[in-house]
């Protein structure tokens, strides 16, 4: 995979994190999340309206964390591929693997382009 292709894919995924994170507090109140909300109540063995509202609130406040991770990752991707920095390569790996146990699908989408372009970062051995 070419570094420019990997950079584009990773930038797109970072931007999707930003968009989803920013819209999540609003989306939890829509019908799109009905299925999720009902499964959440079942997981907590509750059917109360208060439990539903607390669950929506907790999911909603997760949105800004997702968005901020996306912003930081977007910067890191652009910096890493622009400079070929070996340390930025390592930080990208750590950033992804750090939360991979929570989301294996996104981890796979993010790690694949990075691993396929590792030679872009290994050429600069003086860092």
C-alpha atoms as a PDB file:
ATOM      1  CA  UNK A   1       0.000   0.000   0.000  1.00  0.00           C
ATOM      2  CA  UNK A   2       1.272   3.445  -0.835  1.00  0.00           C
ATOM      3  CA  UNK A   3       1.760   5.859   2.083  1.00  0.00           C
ATOM      4  CA  UNK A   4      -0.587   8.431   0.493  1.00  0.00           C
ATOM      5  CA  UNK A   5      -3.340   5.810   0.274  1.00  0.00           C
ATOM      6  CA  UNK A   6      -2.824   4.775   3.896  1.00  0.00           C
ATOM      7  CA  UNK A   7      -2.815   8.421   4.971  1.00  0.00           C
ATOM      8  CA  UNK A   8      -6.110   9.005   3.145  1.00  0.00           C
ATOM      9  CA  UNK A   9      -7.767   5.928   4.661  1.00  0.00           C
ATOM     10  CA  UNK A  10      -6.596   6.756   8.180  1.00  0.00           C
ATOM     11  CA  UNK A  11      -7.570  10.414   7.803  1.00  0.00           C
ATOM     12  CA  UNK A  12     -11.031   9.374   6.645  1.00  0.00           C
ATOM     13  CA  UNK A  13     -11.453   7.046   9.638  1.00  0.00           C
ATOM     14  CA  UNK A  14     -10.262   9.798  12.009  1.00  0.00           C
ATOM     15  CA  UNK A  15     -12.733  12.269  10.468  1.00  0.00           C
ATOM     16  CA  UNK A  16     -15.527   9.692  10.855  1.00  0.00           C
ATOM     17  CA  UNK A  17     -14.634   9.458  14.569  1.00  0.00           C
ATOM     18  CA  UNK A  18     -14.907  13.244  14.800  1.00  0.00           C
ATOM     19  CA  UNK A  19     -18.272  13.350  13.041  1.00  0.00           C
ATOM     20  CA  UNK A  20     -19.746  10.456  15.009  1.00  0.00           C
ATOM     21  CA  UNK A  21     -18.399  11.845  18.276  1.00  0.00           C
ATOM     22  CA  UNK A  22     -19.866  15.295  17.657  1.00  0.00           C
ATOM     23  CA  UNK A  23     -23.261  13.928  16.611  1.00  0.00           C
ATOM     24  CA  UNK A  24     -23.534  11.115  19.183  1.00  0.00           C
ATOM     25  CA  UNK A  25     -25.133  13.240  21.935  1.00  0.00           C
ATOM     26  CA  UNK A  26     -27.923  14.098  19.479  1.00  0.00           C
ATOM     27  CA  UNK A  27     -28.203  10.682  17.832  1.00  0.00           C
ATOM     28  CA  UNK A  28     -28.936   8.842  21.095  1.00  0.00           C
ATOM     29  CA  UNK A  29     -32.302  10.603  21.169  1.00  0.00           C
ATOM     30  CA  UNK A  30     -33.310   9.392  17.691  1.00  0.00           C
ATOM     31  CA  UNK A  31     -34.982   6.205  16.514  1.00  0.00           C
ATOM     32  CA  UNK A  32     -31.606   5.074  15.139  1.00  0.00           C
ATOM     33  CA  UNK A  33     -30.640   4.149  18.689  1.00  0.00           C
ATOM     34  CA  UNK A  34     -33.885   2.468  19.776  1.00  0.00           C
ATOM     35  CA  UNK A  35     -32.467  -1.025  19.290  1.00  0.00           C
ATOM     36  CA  UNK A  36     -29.270  -0.149  21.168  1.00  0.00           C
ATOM     37  CA  UNK A  37     -31.176   1.531  23.996  1.00  0.00           C
ATOM     38  CA  UNK A  38     -33.484  -1.454  24.503  1.00  0.00           C
ATOM     39  CA  UNK A  39     -30.523  -3.854  24.527  1.00  0.00           C
ATOM     40  CA  UNK A  40     -28.765  -1.579  27.038  1.00  0.00           C
ATOM     41  CA  UNK A  41     -31.786  -1.718  29.355  1.00  0.00           C
ATOM     42  CA  UNK A  42     -31.935  -5.485  29.041  1.00  0.00           C
ATOM     43  CA  UNK A  43     -28.224  -5.729  29.878  1.00  0.00           C
ATOM     44  CA  UNK A  44     -28.829  -3.781  33.086  1.00  0.00           C
ATOM     45  CA  UNK A  45     -32.035  -5.709  33.797  1.00  0.00           C
ATOM     46  CA  UNK A  46     -34.102  -2.553  33.873  1.00  0.00           C
ATOM     47  CA  UNK A  47     -37.085  -1.230  31.991  1.00  0.00           C
ATOM     48  CA  UNK A  48     -37.484   2.099  33.757  1.00  0.00           C
ATOM     49  CA  UNK A  49     -37.631   5.399  31.959  1.00  0.00           C
ATOM     50  CA  UNK A  50     -35.024   6.840  34.359  1.00  0.00           C
ATOM     51  CA  UNK A  51     -32.561   4.066  33.527  1.00  0.00           C
ATOM     52  CA  UNK A  52     -33.085   4.735  29.814  1.00  0.00           C
ATOM     53  CA  UNK A  53     -32.389   8.454  30.250  1.00  0.00           C
ATOM     54  CA  UNK A  54     -29.269   7.818  32.326  1.00  0.00           C
ATOM     55  CA  UNK A  55     -28.021   5.360  29.693  1.00  0.00           C
ATOM     56  CA  UNK A  56     -28.631   7.859  26.879  1.00  0.00           C
ATOM     57  CA  UNK A  57     -26.828  10.555  28.848  1.00  0.00           C
ATOM     58  CA  UNK A  58     -23.820   8.308  29.506  1.00  0.00           C
ATOM     59  CA  UNK A  59     -23.596   7.323  25.846  1.00  0.00           C
ATOM     60  CA  UNK A  60     -24.034  10.952  24.810  1.00  0.00           C
ATOM     61  CA  UNK A  61     -21.143  12.199  26.920  1.00  0.00           C
ATOM     62  CA  UNK A  62     -18.943   9.544  25.358  1.00  0.00           C
ATOM     63  CA  UNK A  63     -19.327  11.414  22.046  1.00  0.00           C
ATOM     64  CA  UNK A  64     -16.910  14.266  22.818  1.00  0.00           C
ATOM     65  CA  UNK A  65     -14.277  11.709  23.902  1.00  0.00           C
ATOM     66  CA  UNK A  66     -14.656   9.908  20.574  1.00  0.00           C
ATOM     67  CA  UNK A  67     -14.437  13.226  18.704  1.00  0.00           C
ATOM     68  CA  UNK A  68     -11.337  14.363  20.598  1.00  0.00           C
ATOM     69  CA  UNK A  69      -9.604  11.032  19.942  1.00  0.00           C
ATOM     70  CA  UNK A  70     -10.410  11.502  16.246  1.00  0.00           C
ATOM     71  CA  UNK A  71      -8.942  15.020  16.227  1.00  0.00           C
ATOM     72  CA  UNK A  72      -5.729  13.897  17.910  1.00  0.00           C
ATOM     73  CA  UNK A  73      -5.433  10.852  15.670  1.00  0.00           C
ATOM     74  CA  UNK A  74      -5.996  12.967  12.543  1.00  0.00           C
ATOM     75  CA  UNK A  75      -3.127  15.240  13.574  1.00  0.00           C
ATOM     76  CA  UNK A  76      -0.923  12.258  14.359  1.00  0.00           C
ATOM     77  CA  UNK A  77      -1.640  10.570  11.006  1.00  0.00           C
ATOM     78  CA  UNK A  78      -0.903  13.698   9.016  1.00  0.00           C
ATOM     79  CA  UNK A  79       2.288  14.374  10.982  1.00  0.00           C
ATOM     80  CA  UNK A  80       3.439  10.758  10.784  1.00  0.00           C
ATOM     81  CA  UNK A  81       3.023  10.399   7.042  1.00  0.00           C
ATOM     82  CA  UNK A  82       4.398  13.860   6.294  1.00  0.00           C
ATOM     83  CA  UNK A  83       7.593  13.341   8.273  1.00  0.00           C
ATOM     84  CA  UNK A  84       8.023   9.564   8.171  1.00  0.00           C
ATOM     85  CA  UNK A  85       8.688   9.776  11.907  1.00  0.00           C
ATOM     86  CA  UNK A  86       9.437   6.409  13.503  1.00  0.00           C
ATOM     87  CA  UNK A  87       8.223   7.671  16.880  1.00  0.00           C
ATOM     88  CA  UNK A  88       4.928   8.861  15.337  1.00  0.00           C
ATOM     89  CA  UNK A  89       4.552   5.382  13.812  1.00  0.00           C
ATOM     90  CA  UNK A  90       4.941   3.864  17.286  1.00  0.00           C
ATOM     91  CA  UNK A  91       2.479   6.343  18.831  1.00  0.00           C
ATOM     92  CA  UNK A  92      -0.129   5.499  16.163  1.00  0.00           C
ATOM     93  CA  UNK A  93       0.217   1.829  17.038  1.00  0.00           C
ATOM     94  CA  UNK A  94      -0.062   2.519  20.774  1.00  0.00           C
ATOM     95  CA  UNK A  95      -3.087   4.813  20.264  1.00  0.00           C
ATOM     96  CA  UNK A  96      -4.927   2.089  18.366  1.00  0.00           C
ATOM     97  CA  UNK A  97      -3.910  -0.905  20.450  1.00  0.00           C
ATOM     98  CA  UNK A  98      -4.666   1.052  23.642  1.00  0.00           C
ATOM     99  CA  UNK A  99      -8.393   0.822  23.081  1.00  0.00           C
ATOM    100  CA  UNK A 100      -8.507  -2.144  20.685  1.00  0.00           C
ATOM    101  CA  UNK A 101     -10.041  -4.467  23.238  1.00  0.00           C
ATOM    102  CA  UNK A 102     -13.173  -2.323  23.052  1.00  0.00           C
ATOM    103  CA  UNK A 103     -13.462  -2.246  19.270  1.00  0.00           C
ATOM    104  CA  UNK A 104     -11.622  -4.921  17.296  1.00  0.00           C
ATOM    105  CA  UNK A 105     -13.266  -3.972  13.969  1.00  0.00           C
ATOM    106  CA  UNK A 106     -12.053  -0.379  14.011  1.00  0.00           C
ATOM    107  CA  UNK A 107      -8.676  -1.535  15.288  1.00  0.00           C
ATOM    108  CA  UNK A 108      -8.325  -3.764  12.222  1.00  0.00           C
ATOM    109  CA  UNK A 109      -9.381  -0.930   9.886  1.00  0.00           C
ATOM    110  CA  UNK A 110      -6.813   1.399  11.450  1.00  0.00           C
ATOM    111  CA  UNK A 111      -3.893  -0.995  11.849  1.00  0.00           C
ATOM    112  CA  UNK A 112      -3.987  -2.476   8.351  1.00  0.00           C
ATOM    113  CA  UNK A 113      -2.837   0.657   6.457  1.00  0.00           C
ATOM    114  CA  UNK A 114      -0.252   1.473   9.120  1.00  0.00           C
ATOM    115  CA  UNK A 115       1.306  -1.976   9.038  1.00  0.00           C
ATOM    116  CA  UNK A 116       1.253  -2.082   5.232  1.00  0.00           C
ATOM    117  CA  UNK A 117       3.213   1.199   5.118  1.00  0.00           C
ATOM    118  CA  UNK A 118       5.684   0.546   7.940  1.00  0.00           C
ATOM    119  CA  UNK A 119       8.612   0.801   5.515  1.00  0.00           C
ATOM    120  CA  UNK A 120       7.733   4.514   5.111  1.00  0.00           C
ATOM    121  CA  UNK A 121       8.658   4.983   8.770  1.00  0.00           C
ATOM    122  CA  UNK A 122      11.582   2.587   8.983  1.00  0.00           C
ATOM    123  CA  UNK A 123      13.640   4.395   6.337  1.00  0.00           C
ATOM    124  CA  UNK A 124      14.502   7.197   8.797  1.00  0.00           C
ATOM    125  CA  UNK A 125      16.737   5.356  11.267  1.00  0.00           C
ATOM    126  CA  UNK A 126      18.259   8.466  12.926  1.00  0.00           C
ATOM    127  CA  UNK A 127      15.172   9.322  14.984  1.00  0.00           C
END
